[in-house]
C-alpha atoms as a PDB file:
ATOM      1  CA  UNK A   1     -13.739 -12.819  14.892  1.00  0.00           C
ATOM      2  CA  UNK A   2      -9.794 -12.549  15.800  1.00  0.00           C
ATOM      3  CA  UNK A   3      -7.755 -11.897  13.449  1.00  0.00           C
ATOM      4  CA  UNK A   4      -4.601 -14.151  13.201  1.00  0.00           C
ATOM      5  CA  UNK A   5      -1.258 -12.128  13.090  1.00  0.00           C
ATOM      6  CA  UNK A   6       1.471 -14.255  10.629  1.00  0.00           C
ATOM      7  CA  UNK A   7       4.634 -12.234  10.143  1.00  0.00           C
ATOM      8  CA  UNK A   8       5.403 -15.079   7.394  1.00  0.00           C
ATOM      9  CA  UNK A   9       3.618 -15.657   3.790  1.00  0.00           C
ATOM     10  CA  UNK A  10       2.033 -19.095   3.215  1.00  0.00           C
ATOM     11  CA  UNK A  11       4.988 -21.626   2.177  1.00  0.00           C
ATOM     12  CA  UNK A  12       7.814 -18.906   3.203  1.00  0.00           C
ATOM     13  CA  UNK A  13       7.977 -20.491   7.147  1.00  0.00           C
ATOM     14  CA  UNK A  14      11.679 -21.185   7.847  1.00  0.00           C
ATOM     15  CA  UNK A  15      12.843 -24.489   8.407  1.00  0.00           C
ATOM     16  CA  UNK A  16      13.189 -25.975  11.660  1.00  0.00           C
ATOM     17  CA  UNK A  17      15.832 -28.885  10.531  1.00  0.00           C
ATOM     18  CA  UNK A  18      18.101 -28.797   8.240  1.00  0.00           C
ATOM     19  CA  UNK A  19      19.375 -31.804   6.301  1.00  0.00           C
ATOM     20  CA  UNK A  20      23.529 -31.312   6.262  1.00  0.00           C
ATOM     21  CA  UNK A  21      23.780 -35.031   4.950  1.00  0.00           C
ATOM     22  CA  UNK A  22      21.920 -37.851   4.020  1.00  0.00           C
ATOM     23  CA  UNK A  23      20.309 -39.238   7.423  1.00  0.00           C
ATOM     24  CA  UNK A  24      21.553 -36.662   9.140  1.00  0.00           C
ATOM     25  CA  UNK A  25      19.396 -33.310  10.252  1.00  0.00           C
ATOM     26  CA  UNK A  26      20.114 -31.057  12.430  1.00  0.00           C
ATOM     27  CA  UNK A  27      17.754 -28.635  14.781  1.00  0.00           C
ATOM     28  CA  UNK A  28      17.716 -24.667  13.896  1.00  0.00           C
ATOM     29  CA  UNK A  29      16.186 -22.145  15.625  1.00  0.00           C
ATOM     30  CA  UNK A  30      15.785 -19.341  13.227  1.00  0.00           C
ATOM     31  CA  UNK A  31      13.966 -16.180  14.234  1.00  0.00           C
ATOM     32  CA  UNK A  32      13.975 -12.453  13.918  1.00  0.00           C
ATOM     33  CA  UNK A  33      14.757 -10.113  11.465  1.00  0.00           C
ATOM     34  CA  UNK A  34      17.998  -8.212  10.655  1.00  0.00           C
ATOM     35  CA  UNK A  35      21.641  -8.906  10.733  1.00  0.00           C
ATOM     36  CA  UNK A  36      22.131 -12.938  11.498  1.00  0.00           C
ATOM     37  CA  UNK A  37      23.489 -13.872  14.786  1.00  0.00           C
ATOM     38  CA  UNK A  38      24.467 -16.972  14.250  1.00  0.00           C
ATOM     39  CA  UNK A  39      24.916 -19.062  17.625  1.00  0.00           C
ATOM     40  CA  UNK A  40      26.908 -22.604  18.767  1.00  0.00           C
ATOM     41  CA  UNK A  41      25.993 -23.754  21.990  1.00  0.00           C
ATOM     42  CA  UNK A  42      28.357 -25.550  24.330  1.00  0.00           C
ATOM     43  CA  UNK A  43      28.859 -29.078  25.784  1.00  0.00           C
ATOM     44  CA  UNK A  44      27.038 -31.075  26.541  1.00  0.00           C
ATOM     45  CA  UNK A  45      23.932 -28.483  26.076  1.00  0.00           C
ATOM     46  CA  UNK A  46      21.740 -27.389  22.550  1.00  0.00           C
ATOM     47  CA  UNK A  47      20.666 -24.429  21.154  1.00  0.00           C
ATOM     48  CA  UNK A  48      17.798 -24.033  23.771  1.00  0.00           C
ATOM     49  CA  UNK A  49      20.618 -22.579  26.113  1.00  0.00           C
ATOM     50  CA  UNK A  50      20.219 -19.377  24.026  1.00  0.00           C
ATOM     51  CA  UNK A  51      16.536 -18.753  25.075  1.00  0.00           C
ATOM     52  CA  UNK A  52      17.362 -15.892  27.137  1.00  0.00           C
ATOM     53  CA  UNK A  53      19.516 -14.281  24.362  1.00  0.00           C
ATOM     54  CA  UNK A  54      17.034 -15.387  21.389  1.00  0.00           C
ATOM     55  CA  UNK A  55      14.241 -12.786  23.059  1.00  0.00           C
ATOM     56  CA  UNK A  56      16.885 -10.159  23.207  1.00  0.00           C
ATOM     57  CA  UNK A  57      18.196 -10.363  19.684  1.00  0.00           C
ATOM     58  CA  UNK A  58      14.813 -10.310  17.979  1.00  0.00           C
ATOM     59  CA  UNK A  59      13.701  -7.573  19.899  1.00  0.00           C
ATOM     60  CA  UNK A  60      16.613  -5.428  19.036  1.00  0.00           C
ATOM     61  CA  UNK A  61      16.264  -6.390  15.245  1.00  0.00           C
ATOM     62  CA  UNK A  62      18.578  -8.940  14.593  1.00  0.00           C
ATOM     63  CA  UNK A  63      17.968 -12.537  13.440  1.00  0.00           C
ATOM     64  CA  UNK A  64      18.992 -15.195  15.731  1.00  0.00           C
ATOM     65  CA  UNK A  65      20.071 -18.649  14.370  1.00  0.00           C
ATOM     66  CA  UNK A  66      20.826 -20.903  16.661  1.00  0.00           C
ATOM     67  CA  UNK A  67      22.215 -24.394  15.444  1.00  0.00           C
ATOM     68  CA  UNK A  68      22.275 -27.479  17.734  1.00  0.00           C
ATOM     69  CA  UNK A  69      25.042 -29.636  16.706  1.00  0.00           C
ATOM     70  CA  UNK A  70      24.650 -33.151  15.596  1.00  0.00           C
ATOM     71  CA  UNK A  71      24.566 -35.548  18.787  1.00  0.00           C
ATOM     72  CA  UNK A  72      22.859 -33.083  20.809  1.00  0.00           C
ATOM     73  CA  UNK A  73      19.384 -31.840  21.761  1.00  0.00           C
ATOM     74  CA  UNK A  74      16.756 -32.266  18.968  1.00  0.00           C
ATOM     75  CA  UNK A  75      19.522 -32.514  16.156  1.00  0.00           C
ATOM     76  CA  UNK A  76      19.984 -35.996  14.715  1.00  0.00           C
ATOM     77  CA  UNK A  77      22.608 -38.270  16.770  1.00  0.00           C
ATOM     78  CA  UNK A  78      24.400 -40.682  14.633  1.00  0.00           C
ATOM     79  CA  UNK A  79      27.276 -42.938  15.428  1.00  0.00           C
ATOM     80  CA  UNK A  80      29.921 -40.981  13.506  1.00  0.00           C
ATOM     81  CA  UNK A  81      32.944 -39.260  14.131  1.00  0.00           C
ATOM     82  CA  UNK A  82      32.456 -35.914  16.463  1.00  0.00           C
ATOM     83  CA  UNK A  83      35.168 -33.414  16.350  1.00  0.00           C
ATOM     84  CA  UNK A  84      35.750 -29.845  15.432  1.00  0.00           C
ATOM     85  CA  UNK A  85      36.053 -30.697  11.775  1.00  0.00           C
ATOM     86  CA  UNK A  86      32.704 -32.063  11.394  1.00  0.00           C
ATOM     87  CA  UNK A  87      30.731 -29.377  13.568  1.00  0.00           C
ATOM     88  CA  UNK A  88      32.485 -27.025  11.511  1.00  0.00           C
ATOM     89  CA  UNK A  89      31.631 -28.871   8.323  1.00  0.00           C
ATOM     90  CA  UNK A  90      27.921 -29.030   9.717  1.00  0.00           C
ATOM     91  CA  UNK A  91      27.995 -25.452  10.657  1.00  0.00           C
ATOM     92  CA  UNK A  92      28.948 -24.223   6.862  1.00  0.00           C
ATOM     93  CA  UNK A  93      26.471 -26.456   5.194  1.00  0.00           C
ATOM     94  CA  UNK A  94      23.674 -24.781   7.410  1.00  0.00           C
ATOM     95  CA  UNK A  95      24.726 -21.521   6.611  1.00  0.00           C
ATOM     96  CA  UNK A  96      25.055 -22.014   2.691  1.00  0.00           C
ATOM     97  CA  UNK A  97      21.734 -23.697   2.827  1.00  0.00           C
ATOM     98  CA  UNK A  98      20.386 -20.797   4.690  1.00  0.00           C
ATOM     99  CA  UNK A  99      22.047 -18.063   2.384  1.00  0.00           C
ATOM    100  CA  UNK A 100      23.674 -16.135   5.321  1.00  0.00           C
ATOM    101  CA  UNK A 101      25.902 -13.389   4.810  1.00  0.00           C
ATOM    102  CA  UNK A 102      27.726 -10.699   7.046  1.00  0.00           C
ATOM    103  CA  UNK A 103      26.660 -12.980  10.315  1.00  0.00           C
ATOM    104  CA  UNK A 104      28.389 -12.456  13.654  1.00  0.00           C
ATOM    105  CA  UNK A 105      29.314 -15.949  14.613  1.00  0.00           C
ATOM    106  CA  UNK A 106      28.996 -16.534  18.585  1.00  0.00           C
ATOM    107  CA  UNK A 107      30.452 -19.572  19.804  1.00  0.00           C
ATOM    108  CA  UNK A 108      30.027 -20.599  24.117  1.00  0.00           C
ATOM    109  CA  UNK A 109      32.770 -23.016  25.654  1.00  0.00           C
ATOM    110  CA  UNK A 110      33.210 -25.694  23.306  1.00  0.00           C
ATOM    111  CA  UNK A 111      30.908 -23.844  20.732  1.00  0.00           C
ATOM    112  CA  UNK A 112      33.677 -20.939  21.193  1.00  0.00           C
ATOM    113  CA  UNK A 113      36.184 -23.543  20.321  1.00  0.00           C
ATOM    114  CA  UNK A 114      34.196 -24.936  17.146  1.00  0.00           C
ATOM    115  CA  UNK A 115      33.468 -21.165  15.893  1.00  0.00           C
ATOM    116  CA  UNK A 116      37.352 -20.829  16.054  1.00  0.00           C
ATOM    117  CA  UNK A 117      38.033 -23.607  13.749  1.00  0.00           C
ATOM    118  CA  UNK A 118      35.189 -22.823  11.474  1.00  0.00           C
ATOM    119  CA  UNK A 119      36.345 -19.042  10.752  1.00  0.00           C
ATOM    120  CA  UNK A 120      40.102 -20.735  10.102  1.00  0.00           C
ATOM    121  CA  UNK A 121      39.133 -23.591   8.158  1.00  0.00           C
ATOM    122  CA  UNK A 122      36.125 -21.674   5.865  1.00  0.00           C
ATOM    123  CA  UNK A 123      38.313 -18.322   5.960  1.00  0.00           C
ATOM    124  CA  UNK A 124      35.113 -16.798   7.629  1.00  0.00           C
ATOM    125  CA  UNK A 125      32.605 -17.470   5.235  1.00  0.00           C
ATOM    126  CA  UNK A 126      29.210 -16.257   5.820  1.00  0.00           C
ATOM    127  CA  UNK A 127      30.731 -14.390   8.430  1.00  0.00           C
ATOM    128  CA  UNK A 128      32.319 -10.909   9.210  1.00  0.00           C
ATOM    129  CA  UNK A 129      32.934 -10.917  13.382  1.00  0.00           C
ATOM    130  CA  UNK A 130      33.050 -13.597  15.910  1.00  0.00           C
ATOM    131  CA  UNK A 131      32.381 -13.508  19.447  1.00  0.00           C
ATOM    132  CA  UNK A 132      33.938 -15.970  22.001  1.00  0.00           C
ATOM    133  CA  UNK A 133      32.033 -16.663  25.115  1.00  0.00           C
ATOM    134  CA  UNK A 134      33.507 -18.780  27.941  1.00  0.00           C
ATOM    135  CA  UNK A 135      35.516 -20.503  24.989  1.00  0.00           C
ATOM    136  CA  UNK A 136      37.335 -23.703  25.513  1.00  0.00           C
ATOM    137  CA  UNK A 137      40.401 -22.080  23.840  1.00  0.00           C
ATOM    138  CA  UNK A 138      42.901 -22.318  22.591  1.00  0.00           C
ATOM    139  CA  UNK A 139      43.435 -25.307  24.503  1.00  0.00           C
ATOM    140  CA  UNK A 140      41.481 -26.786  26.947  1.00  0.00           C
ATOM    141  CA  UNK A 141      43.976 -29.042  28.476  1.00  0.00           C
ATOM    142  CA  UNK A 142      47.543 -28.549  29.725  1.00  0.00           C
ATOM    143  CA  UNK A 143      50.561 -29.288  27.800  1.00  0.00           C
ATOM    144  CA  UNK A 144      54.388 -28.673  28.097  1.00  0.00           C
ATOM    145  CA  UNK A 145      54.428 -25.625  26.906  1.00  0.00           C
ATOM    146  CA  UNK A 146      50.632 -24.632  28.088  1.00  0.00           C
ATOM    147  CA  UNK A 147      50.203 -24.337  32.296  1.00  0.00           C
ATOM    148  CA  UNK A 148      46.824 -23.551  31.852  1.00  0.00           C
ATOM    149  CA  UNK A 149      43.346 -25.006  32.636  1.00  0.00           C
ATOM    150  CA  UNK A 150      42.821 -28.714  33.370  1.00  0.00           C
ATOM    151  CA  UNK A 151      45.034 -31.824  33.152  1.00  0.00           C
ATOM    152  CA  UNK A 152      44.125 -34.141  30.477  1.00  0.00           C
ATOM    153  CA  UNK A 153      43.795 -37.019  33.542  1.00  0.00           C
ATOM    154  CA  UNK A 154      41.059 -34.665  34.699  1.00  0.00           C
ATOM    155  CA  UNK A 155      38.924 -34.939  31.413  1.00  0.00           C
ATOM    156  CA  UNK A 156      40.145 -38.905  31.361  1.00  0.00           C
ATOM    157  CA  UNK A 157      37.970 -39.370  34.467  1.00  0.00           C
ATOM    158  CA  UNK A 158      35.239 -37.200  33.186  1.00  0.00           C
ATOM    159  CA  UNK A 159      35.074 -39.772  30.045  1.00  0.00           C
ATOM    160  CA  UNK A 160      35.519 -42.676  32.202  1.00  0.00           C
ATOM    161  CA  UNK A 161      32.216 -41.436  34.199  1.00  0.00           C
ATOM    162  CA  UNK A 162      30.039 -40.591  31.564  1.00  0.00           C
ATOM    163  CA  UNK A 163      30.449 -44.295  30.467  1.00  0.00           C
ATOM    164  CA  UNK A 164      29.485 -45.563  34.182  1.00  0.00           C
ATOM    165  CA  UNK A 165      26.972 -42.798  35.508  1.00  0.00           C
ATOM    166  CA  UNK A 166      26.159 -39.582  32.964  1.00  0.00           C
ATOM    167  CA  UNK A 167      23.632 -38.233  34.974  1.00  0.00           C
ATOM    168  CA  UNK A 168      26.497 -38.040  38.086  1.00  0.00           C
ATOM    169  CA  UNK A 169      28.380 -36.690  35.492  1.00  0.00           C
ATOM    170  CA  UNK A 170      26.318 -34.033  34.621  1.00  0.00           C
ATOM    171  CA  UNK A 171      25.112 -33.236  38.398  1.00  0.00           C
ATOM    172  CA  UNK A 172      29.126 -32.674  38.975  1.00  0.00           C
ATOM    173  CA  UNK A 173      29.399 -30.591  36.080  1.00  0.00           C
ATOM    174  CA  UNK A 174      26.649 -28.206  37.056  1.00  0.00           C
ATOM    175  CA  UNK A 175      27.969 -27.696  40.545  1.00  0.00           C
ATOM    176  CA  UNK A 176      30.758 -25.806  39.017  1.00  0.00           C
ATOM    177  CA  UNK A 177      28.991 -23.881  35.599  1.00  0.00           C
ATOM    178  CA  UNK A 178      28.520 -20.880  37.548  1.00  0.00           C
ATOM    179  CA  UNK A 179      30.489 -18.674  40.122  1.00  0.00           C
ATOM    180  CA  UNK A 180      28.999 -20.237  42.902  1.00  0.00           C
ATOM    181  CA  UNK A 181      26.494 -22.967  43.667  1.00  0.00           C
ATOM    182  CA  UNK A 182      23.527 -20.474  44.182  1.00  0.00           C
ATOM    183  CA  UNK A 183      24.398 -17.936  41.287  1.00  0.00           C
ATOM    184  CA  UNK A 184      21.699 -20.108  39.166  1.00  0.00           C
ATOM    185  CA  UNK A 185      18.270 -20.650  40.484  1.00  0.00           C
ATOM    186  CA  UNK A 186      16.865 -24.432  41.097  1.00  0.00           C
ATOM    187  CA  UNK A 187      14.842 -23.963  37.808  1.00  0.00           C
ATOM    188  CA  UNK A 188      17.363 -22.544  35.752  1.00  0.00           C
ATOM    189  CA  UNK A 189      19.787 -25.675  37.086  1.00  0.00           C
ATOM    190  CA  UNK A 190      16.855 -28.047  36.162  1.00  0.00           C
ATOM    191  CA  UNK A 191      16.252 -27.121  32.460  1.00  0.00           C
ATOM    192  CA  UNK A 192      20.157 -27.036  31.847  1.00  0.00           C
ATOM    193  CA  UNK A 193      20.529 -30.360  33.123  1.00  0.00           C
ATOM    194  CA  UNK A 194      17.261 -31.699  31.042  1.00  0.00           C
ATOM    195  CA  UNK A 195      18.849 -30.353  27.903  1.00  0.00           C
ATOM    196  CA  UNK A 196      22.150 -32.175  28.687  1.00  0.00           C
ATOM    197  CA  UNK A 197      20.406 -35.333  29.385  1.00  0.00           C
ATOM    198  CA  UNK A 198      18.996 -35.357  25.694  1.00  0.00           C
ATOM    199  CA  UNK A 199      22.582 -35.421  24.837  1.00  0.00           C
ATOM    200  CA  UNK A 200      23.826 -38.618  22.901  1.00  0.00           C
ATOM    201  CA  UNK A 201      26.306 -40.543  25.125  1.00  0.00           C
ATOM    202  CA  UNK A 202      28.539 -41.298  22.571  1.00  0.00           C
ATOM    203  CA  UNK A 203      28.793 -37.995  21.246  1.00  0.00           C
ATOM    204  CA  UNK A 204      29.535 -36.529  24.818  1.00  0.00           C
ATOM    205  CA  UNK A 205      32.476 -38.669  25.602  1.00  0.00           C
ATOM    206  CA  UNK A 206      33.602 -38.313  21.786  1.00  0.00           C
ATOM    207  CA  UNK A 207      33.396 -34.481  22.361  1.00  0.00           C
ATOM    208  CA  UNK A 208      35.304 -34.644  25.553  1.00  0.00           C
ATOM    209  CA  UNK A 209      38.171 -36.871  23.904  1.00  0.00           C
ATOM    210  CA  UNK A 210      38.448 -33.299  21.032  1.00  0.00           C
ATOM    211  CA  UNK A 211      38.159 -30.512  23.849  1.00  0.00           C
ATOM    212  CA  UNK A 212      40.676 -32.900  25.608  1.00  0.00           C
ATOM    213  CA  UNK A 213      43.113 -33.380  22.554  1.00  0.00           C
ATOM    214  CA  UNK A 214      42.672 -30.590  20.143  1.00  0.00           C
ATOM    215  CA  UNK A 215      45.261 -27.699  20.245  1.00  0.00           C
ATOM    216  CA  UNK A 216      43.564 -24.313  18.373  1.00  0.00           C
ATOM    217  CA  UNK A 217      46.941 -22.190  18.794  1.00  0.00           C
ATOM    218  CA  UNK A 218      47.410 -22.704  15.210  1.00  0.00           C
ATOM    219  CA  UNK A 219      44.270 -21.529  14.607  1.00  0.00           C
ATOM    220  CA  UNK A 220      43.747 -18.308  16.367  1.00  0.00           C
ATOM    221  CA  UNK A 221      46.436 -16.783  14.109  1.00  0.00           C
ATOM    222  CA  UNK A 222      44.365 -17.478  10.771  1.00  0.00           C
ATOM    223  CA  UNK A 223      41.226 -15.227  12.710  1.00  0.00           C
ATOM    224  CA  UNK A 224      41.332 -11.664  11.248  1.00  0.00           C
ATOM    225  CA  UNK A 225      37.578 -10.080  11.571  1.00  0.00           C
ATOM    226  CA  UNK A 226      36.746  -8.460  14.582  1.00  0.00           C
ATOM    227  CA  UNK A 227      36.481 -10.636  17.652  1.00  0.00           C
ATOM    228  CA  UNK A 228      34.763 -10.089  21.042  1.00  0.00           C
ATOM    229  CA  UNK A 229      36.191 -12.484  23.733  1.00  0.00           C
ATOM    230  CA  UNK A 230      33.494 -12.502  26.750  1.00  0.00           C
ATOM    231  CA  UNK A 231      34.969 -14.575  29.908  1.00  0.00           C
ATOM    232  CA  UNK A 232      33.650 -15.125  33.489  1.00  0.00           C
ATOM    233  CA  UNK A 233      36.644 -14.019  35.832  1.00  0.00           C
ATOM    234  CA  UNK A 234      35.607 -16.760  38.217  1.00  0.00           C
ATOM    235  CA  UNK A 235      35.043 -19.619  35.912  1.00  0.00           C
ATOM    236  CA  UNK A 236      36.073 -22.937  37.073  1.00  0.00           C
ATOM    237  CA  UNK A 237      35.669 -24.918  33.890  1.00  0.00           C
ATOM    238  CA  UNK A 238      37.598 -22.714  31.439  1.00  0.00           C
ATOM    239  CA  UNK A 239      39.917 -20.901  33.369  1.00  0.00           C
ATOM    240  CA  UNK A 240      40.179 -16.997  32.732  1.00  0.00           C
ATOM    241  CA  UNK A 241      43.502 -17.676  31.847  1.00  0.00           C
ATOM    242  CA  UNK A 242      42.375 -19.084  28.458  1.00  0.00           C
ATOM    243  CA  UNK A 243      40.814 -15.515  27.765  1.00  0.00           C
ATOM    244  CA  UNK A 244      44.017 -14.019  28.090  1.00  0.00           C
ATOM    245  CA  UNK A 245      45.598 -16.521  25.804  1.00  0.00           C
ATOM    246  CA  UNK A 246      43.043 -15.942  23.456  1.00  0.00           C
ATOM    247  CA  UNK A 247      43.429 -12.406  23.364  1.00  0.00           C
ATOM    248  CA  UNK A 248      47.127 -12.630  22.832  1.00  0.00           C
ATOM    249  CA  UNK A 249      46.357 -14.926  19.813  1.00  0.00           C
ATOM    250  CA  UNK A 250      44.075 -13.193  17.998  1.00  0.00           C
ATOM    251  CA  UNK A 251      45.062  -9.986  16.288  1.00  0.00           C
ATOM    252  CA  UNK A 252      41.506  -8.201  16.147  1.00  0.00           C
ATOM    253  CA  UNK A 253      40.261  -8.820  19.274  1.00  0.00           C
ATOM    254  CA  UNK A 254      38.979  -7.304  22.523  1.00  0.00           C
ATOM    255  CA  UNK A 255      38.439  -8.680  25.804  1.00  0.00           C
ATOM    256  CA  UNK A 256      35.371  -7.868  28.289  1.00  0.00           C
ATOM    257  CA  UNK A 257      35.356  -9.305  31.808  1.00  0.00           C
ATOM    258  CA  UNK A 258      32.366 -10.586  33.241  1.00  0.00           C
ATOM    259  CA  UNK A 259      33.328  -9.943  37.373  1.00  0.00           C
ATOM    260  CA  UNK A 260      30.568 -11.758  39.012  1.00  0.00           C
ATOM    261  CA  UNK A 261      30.263 -14.784  36.853  1.00  0.00           C
ATOM    262  CA  UNK A 262      31.615 -18.363  36.359  1.00  0.00           C
ATOM    263  CA  UNK A 263      31.026 -20.205  33.196  1.00  0.00           C
ATOM    264  CA  UNK A 264      27.386 -19.377  32.831  1.00  0.00           C
ATOM    265  CA  UNK A 265      27.718 -15.629  32.237  1.00  0.00           C
ATOM    266  CA  UNK A 266      24.826 -15.761  29.565  1.00  0.00           C
ATOM    267  CA  UNK A 267      22.621 -16.597  32.678  1.00  0.00           C
ATOM    268  CA  UNK A 268      24.281 -15.123  35.606  1.00  0.00           C
ATOM    269  CA  UNK A 269      24.597 -11.600  33.701  1.00  0.00           C
ATOM    270  CA  UNK A 270      22.325 -12.026  31.380  1.00  0.00           C
ATOM    271  CA  UNK A 271      21.676  -8.329  30.845  1.00  0.00           C
ATOM    272  CA  UNK A 272      25.468  -7.630  30.314  1.00  0.00           C
ATOM    273  CA  UNK A 273      25.916 -10.452  27.911  1.00  0.00           C
ATOM    274  CA  UNK A 274      22.670  -9.117  25.936  1.00  0.00           C
ATOM    275  CA  UNK A 275      23.995  -5.648  25.843  1.00  0.00           C
ATOM    276  CA  UNK A 276      27.793  -6.588  24.947  1.00  0.00           C
ATOM    277  CA  UNK A 277      26.761  -9.007  22.277  1.00  0.00           C
ATOM    278  CA  UNK A 278      23.927  -6.544  20.760  1.00  0.00           C
ATOM    279  CA  UNK A 279      26.658  -3.529  20.778  1.00  0.00           C
ATOM    280  CA  UNK A 280      29.613  -5.782  19.221  1.00  0.00           C
ATOM    281  CA  UNK A 281      26.730  -7.071  16.652  1.00  0.00           C
ATOM    282  CA  UNK A 282      25.549  -3.311  16.030  1.00  0.00           C
ATOM    283  CA  UNK A 283      28.946  -1.777  15.323  1.00  0.00           C
END
């Protein structure tokens, strides 16, 4: 008779869904043992985007915790406010309920913006290190005193397209997600598209508004924990200028450049991405 190997005791299985308020449950991937690494996804993906990080983290004796934000993936999608503050509040609730301590908080793209707001708003509760990966910060759109990345009008066009033809919005976004159109395989591209289609149309648009309008420059000044900024040199969605501005704004930070990558460095240079993250988390 074959023996069943179960690494958890009966009744001790980890929850796949965590309720952060009545009628709002978030999908959480929680696997592995060791220091917790909490991963926050980008727009309009889900925690599933970190599939090829989870495997590496678990094998290297870390506890990988991926949180899918409300409105996306397998999490609930209520009609409500969708901004960095509500997402930071959700993350705080999850980490409190899981009794997480000394975590490394990882944020990709919009998830990086949310991670910055979380550290600023909650004074780094539960977290001792921060990794910003292709983060949409300190601003995603241009201002009179900030000449980098996209004009606000470009985001207005994305919002309009979301309301008319969301599949086209995602298709157009996918074309500039990596350094070149062939940097990612067809299979990986289809997989990412499927994740993106599972998002709420309303949340997708509201998050574009948050990305367009939120200025995180004051938040950067409040970050004092060790921070690594990982950014693709060929990023067309969050230009490399943003990484340089984050480096200037966060006192205890260092920059790791992904020379061959666009926005999707976690898939374009997966081995380097995982190696840098593990090295940073293990220090």
